[in-house]
Amino acid sequence: MTDKNSPKKHGKSGEAREERLKAALKANMARRKAQAKARAASGDKTGKDEG
């Protein structure tokens, strides 16, 4: 069987997609880090299920 996600057709569109994904991932990680920092600073446990 052949791999569907094999990088055989890696042209300009593939590189542009990689760059977009990389930028989106970086932004997402920064946002998550900021959210975690804010939660830790506030000490808020509304998201936790204590039961």
N, C-alpha and C. Protein backbone atom coordinates (compact mmCIF):
# COMPACT_ATOMS: atom_id res chain seq x y z
N MET A 1 0.84 -1.20 0.00
CA MET A 1 0.00 0.00 0.00
C MET A 1 0.88 1.25 0.00
N THR A 2 0.35 2.30 -0.56
CA THR A 2 1.09 3.55 -0.58
C THR A 2 0.58 4.47 0.52
N ASP A 3 1.45 5.28 0.97
CA ASP A 3 1.11 6.23 2.02
C ASP A 3 0.37 7.42 1.42
N LYS A 4 -0.80 7.75 1.94
CA LYS A 4 -1.57 8.88 1.40
C LYS A 4 -0.92 10.21 1.74
N ASN A 5 -0.22 10.26 2.85
CA ASN A 5 0.38 11.52 3.30
C ASN A 5 1.85 11.63 2.93
N SER A 6 2.28 10.89 1.93
CA SER A 6 3.68 10.95 1.53
C SER A 6 3.97 12.29 0.84
N PRO A 7 5.09 12.89 1.17
CA PRO A 7 5.41 14.21 0.60
C PRO A 7 6.00 14.12 -0.80
N LYS A 8 5.35 13.38 -1.71
CA LYS A 8 5.86 13.25 -3.07
C LYS A 8 5.61 14.52 -3.87
N LYS A 9 4.41 15.10 -3.73
CA LYS A 9 4.05 16.31 -4.47
C LYS A 9 4.30 17.54 -3.60
N HIS A 10 5.54 17.79 -3.28
CA HIS A 10 5.87 18.91 -2.41
C HIS A 10 6.35 20.07 -3.27
N GLY A 11 5.42 20.89 -3.73
CA GLY A 11 5.77 22.04 -4.55
C GLY A 11 5.61 23.31 -3.75
N LYS A 12 5.30 24.39 -4.44
CA LYS A 12 5.10 25.67 -3.76
C LYS A 12 3.89 25.63 -2.83
N SER A 13 2.82 24.99 -3.28
CA SER A 13 1.61 24.94 -2.45
C SER A 13 1.87 24.14 -1.18
N GLY A 14 2.67 23.10 -1.29
CA GLY A 14 3.00 22.29 -0.12
C GLY A 14 3.81 23.08 0.88
N GLU A 15 4.76 23.85 0.38
CA GLU A 15 5.59 24.66 1.26
C GLU A 15 4.77 25.76 1.91
N ALA A 16 3.87 26.37 1.15
CA ALA A 16 3.02 27.43 1.69
C ALA A 16 2.12 26.85 2.77
N ARG A 17 1.61 25.64 2.54
CA ARG A 17 0.74 24.98 3.52
C ARG A 17 1.52 24.70 4.80
N GLU A 18 2.75 24.21 4.64
CA GLU A 18 3.59 23.94 5.80
C GLU A 18 3.83 25.21 6.62
N GLU A 19 4.10 26.31 5.92
CA GLU A 19 4.32 27.59 6.61
C GLU A 19 3.08 28.05 7.34
N ARG A 20 1.91 27.90 6.68
CA ARG A 20 0.64 28.29 7.33
C ARG A 20 0.39 27.44 8.56
N LEU A 21 0.61 26.14 8.44
CA LEU A 21 0.38 25.25 9.57
C LEU A 21 1.34 25.57 10.72
N LYS A 22 2.58 25.85 10.37
CA LYS A 22 3.57 26.18 11.39
C LYS A 22 3.19 27.45 12.14
N ALA A 23 2.74 28.46 11.39
CA ALA A 23 2.33 29.72 12.00
C ALA A 23 1.09 29.53 12.87
N ALA A 24 0.13 28.74 12.39
CA ALA A 24 -1.09 28.49 13.16
C ALA A 24 -0.78 27.73 14.44
N LEU A 25 0.11 26.76 14.35
CA LEU A 25 0.49 25.98 15.52
C LEU A 25 1.19 26.86 16.55
N LYS A 26 2.08 27.72 16.07
CA LYS A 26 2.81 28.62 16.97
C LYS A 26 1.85 29.56 17.69
N ALA A 27 0.87 30.11 16.96
CA ALA A 27 -0.11 31.01 17.55
C ALA A 27 -0.99 30.27 18.56
N ASN A 28 -1.38 29.05 18.21
CA ASN A 28 -2.21 28.24 19.10
C ASN A 28 -1.47 27.92 20.39
N MET A 29 -0.21 27.54 20.28
CA MET A 29 0.57 27.21 21.47
C MET A 29 0.77 28.44 22.35
N ALA A 30 1.00 29.60 21.74
CA ALA A 30 1.16 30.83 22.51
C ALA A 30 -0.14 31.17 23.24
N ARG A 31 -1.27 30.99 22.56
CA ARG A 31 -2.57 31.28 23.18
C ARG A 31 -2.83 30.33 24.35
N ARG A 32 -2.54 29.05 24.16
CA ARG A 32 -2.74 28.07 25.23
C ARG A 32 -1.84 28.37 26.43
N LYS A 33 -0.60 28.76 26.14
CA LYS A 33 0.34 29.09 27.21
C LYS A 33 -0.15 30.29 28.01
N ALA A 34 -0.66 31.30 27.31
CA ALA A 34 -1.19 32.48 27.98
C ALA A 34 -2.42 32.13 28.82
N GLN A 35 -3.28 31.27 28.29
CA GLN A 35 -4.47 30.86 29.04
C GLN A 35 -4.06 30.10 30.30
N ALA A 36 -3.11 29.19 30.18
CA ALA A 36 -2.66 28.41 31.32
C ALA A 36 -2.02 29.32 32.38
N LYS A 37 -1.28 30.30 31.91
CA LYS A 37 -0.64 31.25 32.83
C LYS A 37 -1.69 32.06 33.58
N ALA A 38 -2.72 32.49 32.86
CA ALA A 38 -3.79 33.27 33.47
C ALA A 38 -4.56 32.43 34.48
N ARG A 39 -4.81 31.17 34.14
CA ARG A 39 -5.52 30.29 35.07
C ARG A 39 -4.70 30.04 36.32
N ALA A 40 -3.41 29.85 36.16
CA ALA A 40 -2.53 29.59 37.30
C ALA A 40 -2.44 30.83 38.20
N ALA A 41 -2.43 31.99 37.59
CA ALA A 41 -2.32 33.24 38.35
C ALA A 41 -3.60 33.52 39.13
N SER A 42 -4.75 33.22 38.52
CA SER A 42 -6.01 33.53 39.19
C SER A 42 -6.37 32.47 40.22
N GLY A 43 -5.85 31.26 40.06
CA GLY A 43 -6.19 30.19 40.99
C GLY A 43 -7.62 29.73 40.84
N ASP A 44 -8.22 30.05 39.71
CA ASP A 44 -9.63 29.69 39.46
C ASP A 44 -9.73 28.23 39.08
N LYS A 45 -10.66 27.51 39.71
CA LYS A 45 -10.83 26.10 39.43
C LYS A 45 -12.22 25.81 38.88
N THR A 46 -12.75 26.70 38.05
CA THR A 46 -14.09 26.50 37.51
C THR A 46 -14.08 25.38 36.47
N GLY A 47 -12.96 25.15 35.82
CA GLY A 47 -12.88 24.12 34.80
C GLY A 47 -12.69 22.72 35.39
N LYS A 48 -12.36 22.65 36.65
CA LYS A 48 -12.11 21.36 37.28
C LYS A 48 -13.41 20.76 37.80
N ASP A 49 -13.53 19.46 37.69
CA ASP A 49 -14.70 18.74 38.19
C ASP A 49 -14.32 18.06 39.50
N GLU A 50 -14.73 18.65 40.59
CA GLU A 50 -14.42 18.09 41.91
C GLU A 50 -15.66 17.43 42.48
N GLY A 51 -15.81 16.15 42.24
CA GLY A 51 -17.01 15.52 42.73
C GLY A 51 -16.92 14.12 43.01
